[in-house]
Amino acid sequence: MANVIRVCAAKADTINTAVMECVAIHGAIDTLIASAGMIIPGNFADQSGADFDVQIHTNLIGVSNAIRAVYPSMIAAGRGTITIISSGAALLGIPGYTAYF
């Protein structure tokens, strides 16, 4: 049986709670598909530090939060697969997508 649990990637505590619930129900986590992406369009010089930070925190730290949350369960089980989905912007920059990748 599969479970899909939506969480806010920028909030590690919500991810940790969801992982604990999943482990309690299923005993282990076999697969994590991590994908977090949001954009506040704008040129670097025009974008506030807060706007830049929230994008980096969601798009980069959010995925890291998910991996950190499931990793101990996967190590304990001796198995697991982590797939990280990114954007084409990770390979080729897009004008105005300063902190998006």
Protein backbone atom coordinates (compact mmCIF):
# COMPACT_ATOMS: atom_id res chain seq x y z
CA MET A 1 0.00 0.00 0.00
CA ALA A 2 1.36 3.40 -0.94
CA ASN A 3 0.92 6.62 0.98
CA VAL A 4 1.28 10.10 -0.40
CA ILE A 5 1.89 12.71 2.25
CA ARG A 6 2.19 16.35 1.27
CA VAL A 7 4.33 18.56 3.47
CA CYS A 8 5.88 22.00 3.39
CA ALA A 9 9.44 21.37 2.23
CA ALA A 10 10.70 24.48 3.97
CA LYS A 11 9.53 23.20 7.37
CA ALA A 12 11.68 20.30 8.58
CA ASP A 13 9.34 19.60 11.50
CA THR A 14 6.41 18.85 9.17
CA ILE A 15 8.56 16.48 7.16
CA ASN A 16 9.86 14.74 10.28
CA THR A 17 6.31 14.28 11.59
CA ALA A 18 5.14 12.83 8.27
CA VAL A 19 8.09 10.42 8.19
CA MET A 20 7.43 9.26 11.75
CA GLU A 21 3.76 8.64 10.86
CA CYS A 22 4.73 6.69 7.76
CA VAL A 23 7.27 4.55 9.66
CA ALA A 24 4.68 3.87 12.38
CA ILE A 25 2.18 2.65 9.76
CA HIS A 26 4.51 0.79 7.38
CA GLY A 27 7.60 0.02 9.44
CA ALA A 28 10.05 1.46 6.91
CA ILE A 29 10.28 3.88 4.05
CA ASP A 30 11.30 2.29 0.77
CA THR A 31 11.21 5.28 -1.55
CA LEU A 32 11.51 9.05 -1.34
CA ILE A 33 10.82 11.21 -4.36
CA ALA A 34 11.98 14.68 -3.42
CA SER A 35 10.97 17.66 -5.50
CA ALA A 36 10.59 21.18 -4.20
CA GLY A 37 10.41 24.23 -6.39
CA MET A 38 9.11 27.73 -6.16
CA ILE A 39 10.08 30.94 -7.89
CA ILE A 40 9.85 34.62 -7.17
CA PRO A 41 10.87 36.02 -10.56
CA GLY A 42 13.26 38.93 -10.65
CA ASN A 43 16.78 39.99 -11.43
CA PHE A 44 19.35 39.45 -8.71
CA ALA A 45 19.92 43.18 -8.19
CA ASP A 46 16.20 43.83 -7.77
CA GLN A 47 15.37 40.88 -5.53
CA SER A 48 15.30 41.29 -1.77
CA GLY A 49 17.47 39.09 0.42
CA ALA A 50 14.32 37.66 2.00
CA ASP A 51 12.90 36.64 -1.40
CA PHE A 52 16.20 35.03 -2.36
CA ASP A 53 16.45 33.21 0.98
CA VAL A 54 12.94 31.73 0.86
CA GLN A 55 13.61 30.31 -2.61
CA ILE A 56 16.93 28.76 -1.59
CA HIS A 57 15.42 27.44 1.63
CA THR A 58 12.52 25.80 -0.20
CA ASN A 59 14.29 24.58 -3.33
CA LEU A 60 17.56 23.37 -1.79
CA ILE A 61 17.18 23.04 1.98
CA GLY A 62 13.67 21.62 1.61
CA VAL A 63 14.92 18.67 -0.42
CA SER A 64 17.76 18.18 2.07
CA ASN A 65 15.20 18.20 4.92
CA ALA A 66 13.30 15.36 3.26
CA ILE A 67 16.43 13.28 2.72
CA ARG A 68 17.60 13.82 6.31
CA ALA A 69 14.19 12.74 7.59
CA VAL A 70 14.04 9.42 5.71
CA TYR A 71 17.70 8.48 5.74
CA PRO A 72 17.83 6.94 9.25
CA SER A 73 14.84 4.70 8.49
CA MET A 74 16.40 3.55 5.23
CA ILE A 75 19.75 2.82 6.88
CA ALA A 76 18.03 0.88 9.68
CA ALA A 77 16.07 -1.17 7.13
CA GLY A 78 19.17 -1.76 5.02
CA ARG A 79 17.41 -0.52 1.91
CA GLY A 80 15.80 2.45 0.25
CA THR A 81 15.77 4.58 -2.86
CA ILE A 82 15.98 8.36 -3.00
CA THR A 83 15.14 10.17 -6.24
CA ILE A 84 15.64 13.91 -6.49
CA ILE A 85 13.75 15.74 -9.21
CA SER A 86 15.13 19.08 -10.32
CA SER A 87 14.39 21.56 -13.04
CA GLY A 88 16.03 22.13 -16.38
CA ALA A 89 17.07 25.43 -14.82
CA ALA A 90 19.67 23.42 -12.89
CA LEU A 91 21.48 22.89 -16.18
CA LEU A 92 20.71 26.09 -18.05
CA GLY A 93 19.93 29.38 -16.37
CA ILE A 94 16.73 31.23 -17.13
CA PRO A 95 16.76 35.04 -17.08
CA GLY A 96 14.89 36.37 -14.07
CA TYR A 97 14.99 33.02 -12.21
CA THR A 98 17.84 34.11 -9.98
CA ALA A 99 17.46 31.58 -7.15
CA TYR A 100 15.60 28.84 -8.99
CA PHE A 101 17.32 25.60 -9.86
